PDB file of N, CA and C in Angstrom:
ATOM      1  N   MET A   1      94.745 101.799  51.434  1.00  0.00           N
ATOM      2  CA  MET A   1      95.842 100.851  51.581  1.00  0.00           C
ATOM      3  C   MET A   1      95.413  99.666  52.438  1.00  0.00           C
ATOM      4  N   HIS A   2      94.729  99.983  53.542  1.00  0.00           N
ATOM      5  CA  HIS A   2      94.273  98.928  54.446  1.00  0.00           C
ATOM      6  C   HIS A   2      93.283  97.999  53.739  1.00  0.00           C
ATOM      7  N   ALA A   3      92.395  98.573  52.930  1.00  0.00           N
ATOM      8  CA  ALA A   3      91.392  97.766  52.231  1.00  0.00           C
ATOM      9  C   ALA A   3      92.038  96.842  51.197  1.00  0.00           C
ATOM     10  N   ILE A   4      93.075  97.315  50.529  1.00  0.00           N
ATOM     11  CA  ILE A   4      93.756  96.490  49.526  1.00  0.00           C
ATOM     12  C   ILE A   4      94.456  95.312  50.191  1.00  0.00           C
ATOM     13  N   ILE A   5      95.156  95.585  51.281  1.00  0.00           N
ATOM     14  CA  ILE A   5      95.860  94.508  51.991  1.00  0.00           C
ATOM     15  C   ILE A   5      94.865  93.506  52.561  1.00  0.00           C
ATOM     16  N   LEU A   6      93.747  94.003  53.088  1.00  0.00           N
ATOM     17  CA  LEU A   6      92.726  93.104  53.629  1.00  0.00           C
ATOM     18  C   LEU A   6      92.117  92.237  52.534  1.00  0.00           C
ATOM     19  N   THR A   7      91.898  92.808  51.360  1.00  0.00           N
ATOM     20  CA  THR A   7      91.356  92.034  50.236  1.00  0.00           C
ATOM     21  C   THR A   7      92.338  90.948  49.794  1.00  0.00           C
ATOM     22  N   VAL A   8      93.614  91.298  49.678  1.00  0.00           N
ATOM     23  CA  VAL A   8      94.634  90.301  49.312  1.00  0.00           C
ATOM     24  C   VAL A   8      94.712  89.215  50.387  1.00  0.00           C
ATOM     25  N   HIS A   9      94.604  89.611  51.643  1.00  0.00           N
ATOM     26  CA  HIS A   9      94.654  88.668  52.757  1.00  0.00           C
ATOM     27  C   HIS A   9      93.500  87.662  52.686  1.00  0.00           C
ATOM     28  N   ILE A  10      92.302  88.145  52.433  1.00  0.00           N
ATOM     29  CA  ILE A  10      91.132  87.259  52.367  1.00  0.00           C
ATOM     30  C   ILE A  10      91.219  86.331  51.161  1.00  0.00           C
ATOM     31  N   ILE A  11      91.643  86.849  50.012  1.00  0.00           N
ATOM     32  CA  ILE A  11      91.772  86.008  48.816  1.00  0.00           C
ATOM     33  C   ILE A  11      92.841  84.940  49.030  1.00  0.00           C
ATOM     34  N   ALA A  12      93.984  85.321  49.616  1.00  0.00           N
ATOM     35  CA  ALA A  12      95.037  84.339  49.888  1.00  0.00           C
ATOM     36  C   ALA A  12      94.546  83.286  50.875  1.00  0.00           C
ATOM     37  N   CYS A  13      93.780  83.709  51.853  1.00  0.00           N
ATOM     38  CA  CYS A  13      93.245  82.761  52.838  1.00  0.00           C
ATOM     39  C   CYS A  13      92.329  81.738  52.177  1.00  0.00           C
ATOM     40  N   LEU A  14      91.408  82.204  51.353  1.00  0.00           N
ATOM     41  CA  LEU A  14      90.469  81.288  50.698  1.00  0.00           C
ATOM     42  C   LEU A  14      91.175  80.355  49.714  1.00  0.00           C
ATOM     43  N   LEU A  15      92.133  80.895  48.954  1.00  0.00           N
ATOM     44  CA  LEU A  15      92.879  80.041  48.035  1.00  0.00           C
ATOM     45  C   LEU A  15      93.733  79.020  48.777  1.00  0.00           C
ATOM     46  N   LEU A  16      94.326  79.415  49.884  1.00  0.00           N
ATOM     47  CA  LEU A  16      95.131  78.492  50.680  1.00  0.00           C
ATOM     48  C   LEU A  16      94.275  77.354  51.217  1.00  0.00           C
ATOM     49  N   ILE A  17      93.097  77.677  51.700  1.00  0.00           N
ATOM     50  CA  ILE A  17      92.178  76.640  52.183  1.00  0.00           C
ATOM     51  C   ILE A  17      91.820  75.685  51.045  1.00  0.00           C
ATOM     52  N   GLY A  18      91.521  76.240  49.868  1.00  0.00           N
ATOM     53  CA  GLY A  18      91.175  75.407  48.717  1.00  0.00           C
ATOM     54  C   GLY A  18      92.315  74.491  48.287  1.00  0.00           C
ATOM     55  N   PHE A  19      93.540  75.028  48.216  1.00  0.00           N
ATOM     56  CA  PHE A  19      94.674  74.210  47.799  1.00  0.00           C
ATOM     57  C   PHE A  19      94.998  73.119  48.816  1.00  0.00           C
ATOM     58  N   VAL A  20      94.840  73.412  50.088  1.00  0.00           N
ATOM     59  CA  VAL A  20      95.114  72.387  51.104  1.00  0.00           C
ATOM     60  C   VAL A  20      94.065  71.282  51.035  1.00  0.00           C
ATOM     61  N   LEU A  21      92.821  71.651  50.783  1.00  0.00           N
ATOM     62  CA  LEU A  21      91.775  70.629  50.685  1.00  0.00           C
ATOM     63  C   LEU A  21      91.903  69.780  49.427  1.00  0.00           C
ATOM     64  N   ILE A  22      92.474  70.318  48.357  1.00  0.00           N
ATOM     65  CA  ILE A  22      92.644  69.558  47.112  1.00  0.00           C
ATOM     66  C   ILE A  22      93.765  68.528  47.226  1.00  0.00           C
ATOM     67  N   GLN A  23      94.781  68.795  48.016  1.00  0.00           N
ATOM     68  CA  GLN A  23      95.956  67.921  48.099  1.00  0.00           C
ATOM     69  C   GLN A  23      95.595  66.554  48.666  1.00  0.00           C
ATOM     70  N   HIS A  24      96.351  65.571  48.223  1.00  0.00           N
ATOM     71  CA  HIS A  24      96.205  64.223  48.744  1.00  0.00           C
ATOM     72  C   HIS A  24      97.002  64.090  50.028  1.00  0.00           C
ATOM     73  N   GLY A  25      96.489  63.278  50.940  1.00  0.00           N
ATOM     74  CA  GLY A  25      97.219  63.021  52.172  1.00  0.00           C
ATOM     75  C   GLY A  25      98.289  61.973  51.968  1.00  0.00           C
ATOM     76  N   LYS A  26      99.079  61.735  52.999  1.00  0.00           N
ATOM     77  CA  LYS A  26     100.137  60.717  52.925  1.00  0.00           C
ATOM     78  C   LYS A  26      99.545  59.317  52.767  1.00  0.00           C
ATOM     79  N   GLY A  27      98.401  59.075  53.341  1.00  0.00           N
ATOM     80  CA  GLY A  27      97.775  57.761  53.257  1.00  0.00           C
ATOM     81  C   GLY A  27      97.222  57.452  51.881  1.00  0.00           C
ATOM     82  N   ALA A  28      96.944  58.464  51.075  1.00  0.00           N
ATOM     83  CA  ALA A  28      96.396  58.237  49.745  1.00  0.00           C
ATOM     84  C   ALA A  28      97.434  57.578  48.834  1.00  0.00           C
ATOM     85  N   ASP A  29      98.696  57.917  49.002  1.00  0.00           N
ATOM     86  CA  ASP A  29      99.749  57.302  48.187  1.00  0.00           C
ATOM     87  C   ASP A  29      99.925  55.832  48.531  1.00  0.00           C
ATOM     88  N   ALA A  30      99.813  55.481  49.787  1.00  0.00           N
ATOM     89  CA  ALA A  30      99.956  54.084  50.193  1.00  0.00           C
ATOM     90  C   ALA A  30      98.803  53.243  49.652  1.00  0.00           C
ATOM     91  N   GLY A  31      97.615  53.805  49.607  1.00  0.00           N
ATOM     92  CA  GLY A  31      96.465  53.082  49.062  1.00  0.00           C
ATOM     93  C   GLY A  31      96.587  52.862  47.573  1.00  0.00           C
ATOM     94  N   ALA A  32      97.145  53.819  46.856  1.00  0.00           N
ATOM     95  CA  ALA A  32      97.314  53.682  45.413  1.00  0.00           C
ATOM     96  C   ALA A  32      98.391  52.654  45.079  1.00  0.00           C
ATOM     97  N   ALA A  33      99.375  52.485  45.959  1.00  0.00           N
ATOM     98  CA  ALA A  33     100.445  51.526  45.711  1.00  0.00           C
ATOM     99  C   ALA A  33      99.949  50.088  45.764  1.00  0.00           C
ATOM    100  N   PHE A  34      98.869  49.808  46.501  1.00  0.00           N
ATOM    101  CA  PHE A  34      98.346  48.439  46.628  1.00  0.00           C
ATOM    102  C   PHE A  34      97.156  48.190  45.717  1.00  0.00           C
ATOM    103  N   GLY A  35      97.063  48.946  44.636  1.00  0.00           N
ATOM    104  CA  GLY A  35      96.016  48.652  43.662  1.00  0.00           C
ATOM    105  C   GLY A  35      94.809  49.562  43.766  1.00  0.00           C
ATOM    106  N   GLY A  36      94.760  50.467  44.704  1.00  0.00           N
ATOM    107  CA  GLY A  36      93.630  51.379  44.800  1.00  0.00           C
ATOM    108  C   GLY A  36      93.755  52.487  43.777  1.00  0.00           C
ATOM    109  N   GLY A  37      92.648  53.104  43.458  1.00  0.00           N
ATOM    110  CA  GLY A  37      92.705  54.235  42.541  1.00  0.00           C
ATOM    111  C   GLY A  37      92.395  53.863  41.112  1.00  0.00           C
ATOM    112  N   GLY A  38      92.699  52.687  40.677  1.00  0.00           N
ATOM    113  CA  GLY A  38      92.316  52.168  39.376  1.00  0.00           C
ATOM    114  C   GLY A  38      92.855  52.920  38.170  1.00  0.00           C
ATOM    115  N   GLY A  39      94.086  53.155  38.059  1.00  0.00           N
ATOM    116  CA  GLY A  39      94.612  53.804  36.865  1.00  0.00           C
ATOM    117  C   GLY A  39      95.956  54.427  37.155  1.00  0.00           C
ATOM    118  N   GLY A  40      96.722  54.625  36.104  1.00  0.00           N
ATOM    119  CA  GLY A  40      98.031  55.217  36.274  1.00  0.00           C
ATOM    120  C   GLY A  40      97.945  56.724  36.395  1.00  0.00           C
ATOM    121  N   ALA A  41      98.951  57.304  36.994  1.00  0.00           N
ATOM    122  CA  ALA A  41      98.986  58.748  37.162  1.00  0.00           C
ATOM    123  C   ALA A  41      99.646  59.433  35.976  1.00  0.00           C
ATOM    124  N   SER A  42     100.118  58.647  34.977  1.00  0.00           N
ATOM    125  CA  SER A  42     100.838  59.256  33.861  1.00  0.00           C
ATOM    126  C   SER A  42      99.911  60.069  32.969  1.00  0.00           C
ATOM    127  N   GLY A  43      98.644  59.767  32.983  1.00  0.00           N
ATOM    128  CA  GLY A  43      97.706  60.508  32.146  1.00  0.00           C
ATOM    129  C   GLY A  43      97.040  61.652  32.876  1.00  0.00           C
ATOM    130  N   SER A  44      97.560  62.048  33.986  1.00  0.00           N
ATOM    131  CA  SER A  44      96.911  63.106  34.761  1.00  0.00           C
ATOM    132  C   SER A  44      97.217  64.480  34.164  1.00  0.00           C
ATOM    133  N   LEU A  45      96.549  65.467  34.652  1.00  0.00           N
ATOM    134  CA  LEU A  45      96.680  66.827  34.157  1.00  0.00           C
ATOM    135  C   LEU A  45      98.055  67.420  34.445  1.00  0.00           C
ATOM    136  N   PHE A  46      98.668  67.054  35.563  1.00  0.00           N
ATOM    137  CA  PHE A  46      99.928  67.655  35.984  1.00  0.00           C
ATOM    138  C   PHE A  46     101.148  66.816  35.621  1.00  0.00           C
ATOM    139  N   GLY A  47     100.986  65.732  34.885  1.00  0.00           N
ATOM    140  CA  GLY A  47     102.118  64.907  34.479  1.00  0.00           C
ATOM    141  C   GLY A  47     102.234  63.643  35.305  1.00  0.00           C
ATOM    142  N   SER A  48     103.354  62.930  35.130  1.00  0.00           N
ATOM    143  CA  SER A  48     103.511  61.640  35.781  1.00  0.00           C
ATOM    144  C   SER A  48     103.745  61.772  37.281  1.00  0.00           C
ATOM    145  N   GLN A  49     104.321  62.888  37.709  1.00  0.00           N
ATOM    146  CA  GLN A  49     104.548  63.063  39.143  1.00  0.00           C
ATOM    147  C   GLN A  49     103.257  63.399  39.866  1.00  0.00           C
ATOM    148  N   GLY A  50     102.281  63.851  39.132  1.00  0.00           N
ATOM    149  CA  GLY A  50     101.023  64.225  39.748  1.00  0.00           C
ATOM    150  C   GLY A  50     101.012  65.695  40.130  1.00  0.00           C
ATOM    151  N   SER A  51     100.021  66.061  40.908  1.00  0.00           N
ATOM    152  CA  SER A  51      99.836  67.464  41.267  1.00  0.00           C
ATOM    153  C   SER A  51     100.531  67.827  42.568  1.00  0.00           C
ATOM    154  N   ALA A  52     101.295  66.907  43.125  1.00  0.00           N
ATOM    155  CA  ALA A  52     101.883  67.143  44.451  1.00  0.00           C
ATOM    156  C   ALA A  52     102.840  68.331  44.453  1.00  0.00           C
ATOM    157  N   SER A  53     103.738  68.417  43.482  1.00  0.00           N
ATOM    158  CA  SER A  53     104.712  69.501  43.517  1.00  0.00           C
ATOM    159  C   SER A  53     104.055  70.848  43.221  1.00  0.00           C
ATOM    160  N   PHE A  54     103.122  70.890  42.273  1.00  0.00           N
ATOM    161  CA  PHE A  54     102.438  72.142  41.957  1.00  0.00           C
ATOM    162  C   PHE A  54     101.615  72.631  43.146  1.00  0.00           C
ATOM    163  N   LEU A  55     100.839  71.743  43.739  1.00  0.00           N
ATOM    164  CA  LEU A  55      99.977  72.148  44.856  1.00  0.00           C
ATOM    165  C   LEU A  55     100.778  72.510  46.091  1.00  0.00           C
ATOM    166  N   SER A  56     101.858  71.784  46.354  1.00  0.00           N
ATOM    167  CA  SER A  56     102.666  72.113  47.535  1.00  0.00           C
ATOM    168  C   SER A  56     103.404  73.431  47.340  1.00  0.00           C
ATOM    169  N   ARG A  57     103.868  73.705  46.123  1.00  0.00           N
ATOM    170  CA  ARG A  57     104.538  74.980  45.857  1.00  0.00           C
ATOM    171  C   ARG A  57     103.540  76.136  45.923  1.00  0.00           C
ATOM    172  N   ALA A  58     102.351  75.945  45.356  1.00  0.00           N
ATOM    173  CA  ALA A  58     101.320  76.987  45.413  1.00  0.00           C
ATOM    174  C   ALA A  58     100.874  77.233  46.854  1.00  0.00           C
ATOM    175  N   SER A  59     100.772  76.173  47.636  1.00  0.00           N
ATOM    176  CA  SER A  59     100.398  76.328  49.045  1.00  0.00           C
ATOM    177  C   SER A  59     101.467  77.080  49.824  1.00  0.00           C
ATOM    178  N   ALA A  60     102.722  76.813  49.526  1.00  0.00           N
ATOM    179  CA  ALA A  60     103.810  77.516  50.212  1.00  0.00           C
ATOM    180  C   ALA A  60     103.817  79.003  49.855  1.00  0.00           C
ATOM    181  N   ILE A  61     103.581  79.323  48.597  1.00  0.00           N
ATOM    182  CA  ILE A  61     103.537  80.729  48.176  1.00  0.00           C
ATOM    183  C   ILE A  61     102.355  81.440  48.822  1.00  0.00           C
ATOM    184  N   LEU A  62     101.187  80.791  48.819  1.00  0.00           N
ATOM    185  CA  LEU A  62     100.006  81.401  49.430  1.00  0.00           C
ATOM    186  C   LEU A  62     100.173  81.544  50.942  1.00  0.00           C
ATOM    187  N   ALA A  63     100.827  80.586  51.580  1.00  0.00           N
ATOM    188  CA  ALA A  63     101.070  80.702  53.018  1.00  0.00           C
ATOM    189  C   ALA A  63     102.008  81.871  53.316  1.00  0.00           C
ATOM    190  N   THR A  64     102.999  82.097  52.453  1.00  0.00           N
ATOM    191  CA  THR A  64     103.901  83.230  52.633  1.00  0.00           C
ATOM    192  C   THR A  64     103.161  84.553  52.458  1.00  0.00           C
ATOM    193  N   ILE A  65     102.304  84.631  51.442  1.00  0.00           N
ATOM    194  CA  ILE A  65     101.501  85.840  51.231  1.00  0.00           C
ATOM    195  C   ILE A  65     100.578  86.080  52.410  1.00  0.00           C
ATOM    196  N   PHE A  66      99.956  85.011  52.909  1.00  0.00           N
ATOM    197  CA  PHE A  66      99.059  85.123  54.061  1.00  0.00           C
ATOM    198  C   PHE A  66      99.817  85.613  55.292  1.00  0.00           C
ATOM    199  N   PHE A  67     101.008  85.105  55.508  1.00  0.00           N
ATOM    200  CA  PHE A  67     101.824  85.507  56.661  1.00  0.00           C
ATOM    201  C   PHE A  67     102.236  86.983  56.557  1.00  0.00           C
ATOM    202  N   ILE A  68     102.655  87.398  55.376  1.00  0.00           N
ATOM    203  CA  ILE A  68     103.088  88.787  55.189  1.00  0.00           C
ATOM    204  C   ILE A  68     101.915  89.749  55.363  1.00  0.00           C
ATOM    205  N   THR A  69     100.760  89.409  54.793  1.00  0.00           N
ATOM    206  CA  THR A  69      99.603  90.293  54.951  1.00  0.00           C
ATOM    207  C   THR A  69      99.109  90.311  56.391  1.00  0.00           C
ATOM    208  N   SER A  70      99.246  89.205  57.110  1.00  0.00           N
ATOM    209  CA  SER A  70      98.873  89.193  58.524  1.00  0.00           C
ATOM    210  C   SER A  70      99.752  90.140  59.327  1.00  0.00           C
ATOM    211  N   LEU A  71     101.049  90.093  59.095  1.00  0.00           N
ATOM    212  CA  LEU A  71     101.963  90.994  59.794  1.00  0.00           C
ATOM    213  C   LEU A  71     101.718  92.453  59.413  1.00  0.00           C
ATOM    214  N   THR A  72     101.423  92.696  58.151  1.00  0.00           N
ATOM    215  CA  THR A  72     101.163  94.065  57.702  1.00  0.00           C
ATOM    216  C   THR A  72      99.887  94.614  58.330  1.00  0.00           C
ATOM    217  N   LEU A  73      98.840  93.805  58.384  1.00  0.00           N
ATOM    218  CA  LEU A  73      97.595  94.251  59.021  1.00  0.00           C
ATOM    219  C   LEU A  73      97.792  94.478  60.510  1.00  0.00           C
ATOM    220  N   ALA A  74      98.597  93.666  61.151  1.00  0.00           N
ATOM    221  CA  ALA A  74      98.886  93.871  62.568  1.00  0.00           C
ATOM    222  C   ALA A  74      99.677  95.154  62.786  1.00  0.00           C
ATOM    223  N   TYR A  75     100.590  95.469  61.872  1.00  0.00           N
ATOM    224  CA  TYR A  75     101.378  96.701  61.972  1.00  0.00           C
ATOM    225  C   TYR A  75     100.478  97.931  61.831  1.00  0.00           C
ATOM    226  N   PHE A  76      99.523  97.879  60.907  1.00  0.00           N
ATOM    227  CA  PHE A  76      98.636  99.016  60.701  1.00  0.00           C
ATOM    228  C   PHE A  76      97.597  99.171  61.801  1.00  0.00           C
ATOM    229  N   SER A  77      97.405  98.172  62.624  1.00  0.00           N
ATOM    230  CA  SER A  77      96.396  98.263  63.675  1.00  0.00           C
ATOM    231  C   SER A  77      96.933  98.858  64.969  1.00  0.00           C
ATOM    232  N   VAL A  78      98.193  99.284  64.993  1.00  0.00           N
ATOM    233  CA  VAL A  78      98.803  99.878  66.177  1.00  0.00           C
ATOM    234  C   VAL A  78      98.138 101.224  66.459  1.00  0.00           C
ATOM    235  N   ASP A  79      97.921 101.513  67.752  1.00  0.00           N
ATOM    236  CA  ASP A  79      97.284 102.769  68.140  1.00  0.00           C
ATOM    237  C   ASP A  79      98.150 103.962  67.790  1.00  0.00           C
ATOM    238  N   THR A  80      97.491 105.020  67.382  1.00  0.00           N
ATOM    239  CA  THR A  80      98.175 106.285  67.172  1.00  0.00           C
ATOM    240  C   THR A  80      97.692 107.262  68.233  1.00  0.00           C
ATOM    241  N   PRO A  81      98.532 108.183  68.672  1.00  0.00           N
ATOM    242  CA  PRO A  81      98.122 109.122  69.709  1.00  0.00           C
ATOM    243  C   PRO A  81      96.948 109.982  69.247  1.00  0.00           C
ATOM    244  N   GLY A  82      96.031 110.225  70.169  1.00  0.00           N
ATOM    245  CA  GLY A  82      94.876 111.043  69.861  1.00  0.00           C
ATOM    246  C   GLY A  82      93.682 110.262  69.367  1.00  0.00           C
ATOM    247  N   LYS A  83      93.878 109.029  69.035  1.00  0.00           N
ATOM    248  CA  LYS A  83      92.788 108.192  68.583  1.00  0.00           C
ATOM    249  C   LYS A  83      92.087 107.561  69.774  1.00  0.00           C
ATOM    250  N   ALA A  84      90.777 107.384  69.687  1.00  0.00           N
ATOM    251  CA  ALA A  84      90.038 106.719  70.756  1.00  0.00           C
ATOM    252  C   ALA A  84      90.409 105.245  70.779  1.00  0.00           C
ATOM    253  N   LYS A  85      90.588 104.681  71.959  1.00  0.00           N
ATOM    254  CA  LYS A  85      90.989 103.282  72.080  1.00  0.00           C
ATOM    255  C   LYS A  85      89.802 102.336  72.007  1.00  0.00           C
ATOM    256  N   SER A  86      88.626 102.836  72.333  1.00  0.00           N
ATOM    257  CA  SER A  86      87.437 102.003  72.249  1.00  0.00           C
ATOM    258  C   SER A  86      86.248 102.866  71.867  1.00  0.00           C
ATOM    259  N   VAL A  87      85.151 102.234  71.572  1.00  0.00           N
ATOM    260  CA  VAL A  87      83.951 102.951  71.171  1.00  0.00           C
ATOM    261  C   VAL A  87      83.416 103.790  72.325  1.00  0.00           C
ATOM    262  N   THR A  88      83.507 103.276  73.539  1.00  0.00           N
ATOM    263  CA  THR A  88      82.949 104.003  74.682  1.00  0.00           C
ATOM    264  C   THR A  88      83.739 105.257  75.015  1.00  0.00           C
ATOM    265  N   GLU A  89      85.014 105.314  74.646  1.00  0.00           N
ATOM    266  CA  GLU A  89      85.803 106.504  74.909  1.00  0.00           C
ATOM    267  C   GLU A  89      85.503 107.619  73.914  1.00  0.00           C
ATOM    268  N   SER A  90      84.961 107.289  72.756  1.00  0.00           N
ATOM    269  CA  SER A  90      84.675 108.306  71.760  1.00  0.00           C
ATOM    270  C   SER A  90      83.313 108.972  71.970  1.00  0.00           C
ATOM    271  N   VAL A  91      82.468 108.425  72.841  1.00  0.00           N
ATOM    272  CA  VAL A  91      81.150 108.986  73.109  1.00  0.00           C
ATOM    273  C   VAL A  91      81.280 110.075  74.178  1.00  0.00           C
ATOM    274  N   PRO A  92      80.760 111.287  73.901  1.00  0.00           N
ATOM    275  CA  PRO A  92      80.828 112.327  74.929  1.00  0.00           C
ATOM    276  C   PRO A  92      79.905 111.989  76.100  1.00  0.00           C
ATOM    277  N   THR A  93      80.366 112.276  77.289  1.00  0.00           N
ATOM    278  CA  THR A  93      79.564 111.969  78.477  1.00  0.00           C
ATOM    279  C   THR A  93      79.248 113.257  79.218  1.00  0.00           C
ATOM    280  N   THR A  94      78.148 113.213  79.939  1.00  0.00           N
ATOM    281  CA  THR A  94      77.783 114.333  80.810  1.00  0.00           C
ATOM    282  C   THR A  94      77.746 113.796  82.226  1.00  0.00           C
ATOM    283  N   GLU A  95      78.400 114.499  83.115  1.00  0.00           N
ATOM    284  CA  GLU A  95      78.447 114.056  84.506  1.00  0.00           C
ATOM    285  C   GLU A  95      77.423 114.828  85.317  1.00  0.00           C
ATOM    286  N   GLN A  96      76.713 114.100  86.143  1.00  0.00           N
ATOM    287  CA  GLN A  96      75.763 114.716  87.058  1.00  0.00           C
ATOM    288  C   GLN A  96      76.132 114.287  88.463  1.00  0.00           C
ATOM    289  N   LYS A  97      76.353 115.259  89.324  1.00  0.00           N
ATOM    290  CA  LYS A  97      76.677 114.945  90.707  1.00  0.00           C
ATOM    291  C   LYS A  97      75.419 115.082  91.553  1.00  0.00           C
ATOM    292  N   VAL A  98      75.223 114.119  92.428  1.00  0.00           N
ATOM    293  CA  VAL A  98      74.100 114.145  93.354  1.00  0.00           C
ATOM    294  C   VAL A  98      74.670 114.500  94.717  1.00  0.00           C
ATOM    295  N   ASP A  99      74.267 115.659  95.247  1.00  0.00           N
ATOM    296  CA  ASP A  99      74.796 116.125  96.525  1.00  0.00           C
ATOM    297  C   ASP A  99      74.143 115.432  97.716  1.00  0.00           C
ATOM    298  N   LYS A 100      72.882 115.154  97.627  1.00  0.00           N
ATOM    299  CA  LYS A 100      72.192 114.510  98.749  1.00  0.00           C
ATOM    300  C   LYS A 100      71.333 113.373  98.240  1.00  0.00           C
ATOM    301  N   THR A 101      70.973 112.473  99.121  1.00  0.00           N
ATOM    302  CA  THR A 101      70.161 111.331  98.737  1.00  0.00           C
ATOM    303  C   THR A 101      68.725 111.785  98.515  1.00  0.00           C
ATOM    304  N   PRO A 102      68.016 111.114  97.646  1.00  0.00           N
ATOM    305  CA  PRO A 102      66.607 111.460  97.421  1.00  0.00           C
ATOM    306  C   PRO A 102      65.784 111.283  98.709  1.00  0.00           C
ATOM    307  N   ALA A 103      64.654 111.960  98.779  1.00  0.00           N
ATOM    308  CA  ALA A 103      63.819 111.961  99.990  1.00  0.00           C
ATOM    309  C   ALA A 103      63.205 110.613 100.283  1.00  0.00           C
ATOM    310  N   ASP A 104      62.958 109.797  99.272  1.00  0.00           N
ATOM    311  CA  ASP A 104      62.301 108.518  99.518  1.00  0.00           C
ATOM    312  C   ASP A 104      63.259 107.424  99.969  1.00  0.00           C
ATOM    313  N   LEU A 105      64.560 107.674  99.974  1.00  0.00           N
ATOM    314  CA  LEU A 105      65.528 106.690 100.427  1.00  0.00           C
ATOM    315  C   LEU A 105      65.975 107.017 101.853  1.00  0.00           C
ATOM    316  N   PRO A 106      66.120 105.988 102.689  1.00  0.00           N
ATOM    317  CA  PRO A 106      66.581 106.256 104.061  1.00  0.00           C
ATOM    318  C   PRO A 106      68.066 106.558 104.088  1.00  0.00           C
ATOM    319  N   GLU A 107      68.480 107.280 105.096  1.00  0.00           N
ATOM    320  CA  GLU A 107      69.882 107.615 105.282  1.00  0.00           C
ATOM    321  C   GLU A 107      70.636 106.383 105.789  1.00  0.00           C
ATOM    322  N   LEU A 108      71.819 106.161 105.309  1.00  0.00           N
ATOM    323  CA  LEU A 108      72.644 105.047 105.772  1.00  0.00           C
ATOM    324  C   LEU A 108      73.574 105.540 106.867  1.00  0.00           C
ATOM    325  N   PRO A 109      73.821 104.692 107.876  1.00  0.00           N
ATOM    326  CA  PRO A 109      74.722 105.113 108.977  1.00  0.00           C
ATOM    327  C   PRO A 109      76.154 105.205 108.526  1.00  0.00           C
TER     328      PRO A 109
END
Protein backbone atom coordinates (compact mmCIF):
# COMPACT_ATOMS: atom_id res chain seq x y z
CA MET A 1 0.00 0.00 0.00
CA HIS A 2 2.80 2.38 0.94
CA ALA A 3 4.65 1.67 -2.32
CA ILE A 4 1.55 2.36 -4.43
CA ILE A 5 0.86 5.68 -2.72
CA LEU A 6 4.52 6.66 -3.01
CA THR A 7 4.51 5.83 -6.73
CA VAL A 8 1.36 7.90 -7.32
CA HIS A 9 2.92 10.72 -5.28
CA ILE A 10 6.11 10.77 -7.36
CA ILE A 11 4.24 10.61 -10.68
CA ALA A 12 1.89 13.43 -9.60
CA CYS A 13 4.89 15.48 -8.49
CA LEU A 14 6.71 15.10 -11.81
CA LEU A 15 3.59 15.80 -13.86
CA LEU A 16 2.78 18.86 -11.74
CA ILE A 17 6.28 20.22 -12.31
CA GLY A 18 5.93 19.61 -16.06
CA PHE A 19 2.51 21.28 -16.31
CA VAL A 20 3.65 24.33 -14.35
CA LEU A 21 6.71 24.73 -16.56
CA ILE A 22 4.60 24.46 -19.74
CA GLN A 23 2.18 27.23 -18.71
CA HIS A 24 2.62 30.78 -19.89
CA GLY A 25 3.22 33.50 -17.35
CA LYS A 26 1.14 36.64 -16.95
CA GLY A 27 3.75 38.67 -18.82
CA ALA A 28 3.53 36.44 -21.90
CA ASP A 29 -0.04 37.58 -22.60
CA ALA A 30 0.94 41.25 -22.44
CA GLY A 31 3.76 40.66 -24.92
CA ALA A 32 1.45 38.91 -27.37
CA ALA A 33 -1.03 41.80 -27.21
CA PHE A 34 1.59 44.25 -28.59
CA GLY A 35 2.48 42.20 -31.63
CA GLY A 36 4.80 39.61 -30.11
CA GLY A 37 4.41 35.95 -30.87
CA GLY A 38 3.72 36.35 -34.58
CA GLY A 39 0.43 34.58 -35.15
CA GLY A 40 -3.07 34.09 -33.91
CA ALA A 41 -3.97 31.66 -31.18
CA SER A 42 -7.04 30.42 -33.08
CA GLY A 43 -5.03 27.74 -34.84
CA SER A 44 -3.55 26.31 -31.69
CA LEU A 45 -4.00 22.77 -30.46
CA PHE A 46 -6.30 23.72 -27.57
CA GLY A 47 -8.59 26.12 -29.46
CA SER A 48 -8.96 29.89 -29.54
CA GLN A 49 -8.70 30.31 -25.77
CA GLY A 50 -5.39 28.53 -25.80
CA SER A 51 -4.06 25.99 -23.35
CA ALA A 52 -4.59 28.14 -20.27
CA SER A 53 -7.80 26.53 -19.03
CA PHE A 54 -6.66 22.95 -19.73
CA LEU A 55 -3.26 23.41 -18.10
CA SER A 56 -4.61 25.29 -15.10
CA ARG A 57 -7.31 22.66 -14.52
CA ALA A 58 -4.80 19.81 -14.90
CA SER A 59 -2.42 21.59 -12.52
CA ALA A 60 -5.17 22.01 -9.94
CA ILE A 61 -6.11 18.32 -10.15
CA LEU A 62 -2.47 17.22 -9.87
CA ALA A 63 -1.91 19.59 -6.94
CA THR A 64 -4.92 18.05 -5.17
CA ILE A 65 -3.60 14.52 -5.80
CA PHE A 66 -0.16 15.59 -4.57
CA PHE A 67 -1.66 17.10 -1.40
CA ILE A 68 -3.77 14.02 -0.64
CA THR A 69 -0.87 11.61 -1.18
CA SER A 70 1.36 13.80 1.00
CA LEU A 71 -1.13 13.64 3.86
CA THR A 72 -1.59 9.89 3.38
CA LEU A 73 2.16 9.24 3.46
CA ALA A 74 2.46 11.37 6.58
CA TYR A 75 -0.36 9.39 8.22
CA PHE A 76 1.36 6.08 7.45
CA SER A 77 4.68 7.29 8.85
CA VAL A 78 3.32 7.59 12.42
CA ASP A 79 5.17 5.43 14.96
CA THR A 80 3.58 2.24 16.13
CA PRO A 81 4.34 0.79 19.57
CA GLY A 82 7.13 -1.75 19.62
CA LYS A 83 8.83 -0.39 16.56
CA ALA A 84 12.37 0.98 16.79
CA LYS A 85 12.42 4.77 16.51
CA SER A 86 15.86 4.93 14.94
CA VAL A 87 18.48 2.67 13.45
CA THR A 88 20.69 2.89 16.53
CA GLU A 89 17.91 1.62 18.80
CA SER A 90 17.46 -1.54 16.74
CA VAL A 91 21.13 -2.59 17.09
CA PRO A 92 21.78 -4.85 20.10
CA THR A 93 24.41 -3.47 22.45
CA THR A 94 26.70 -5.10 24.96
CA GLU A 95 27.63 -3.17 28.07
CA GLN A 96 31.02 -3.49 29.66
CA LYS A 97 31.64 -1.95 33.04
CA VAL A 98 35.14 -0.93 34.04
CA ASP A 99 35.57 -1.17 37.81
CA LYS A 100 39.01 0.39 38.06
CA THR A 101 41.21 2.56 35.89
CA PRO A 102 43.89 0.90 33.79
CA ALA A 103 47.40 0.70 35.28
CA ASP A 104 48.97 3.06 32.77
CA LEU A 105 46.62 5.94 33.62
CA PRO A 106 47.18 8.09 36.72
CA GLU A 107 44.52 8.35 39.39
CA LEU A 108 42.50 11.57 39.40
CA PRO A 109 41.90 13.40 42.69
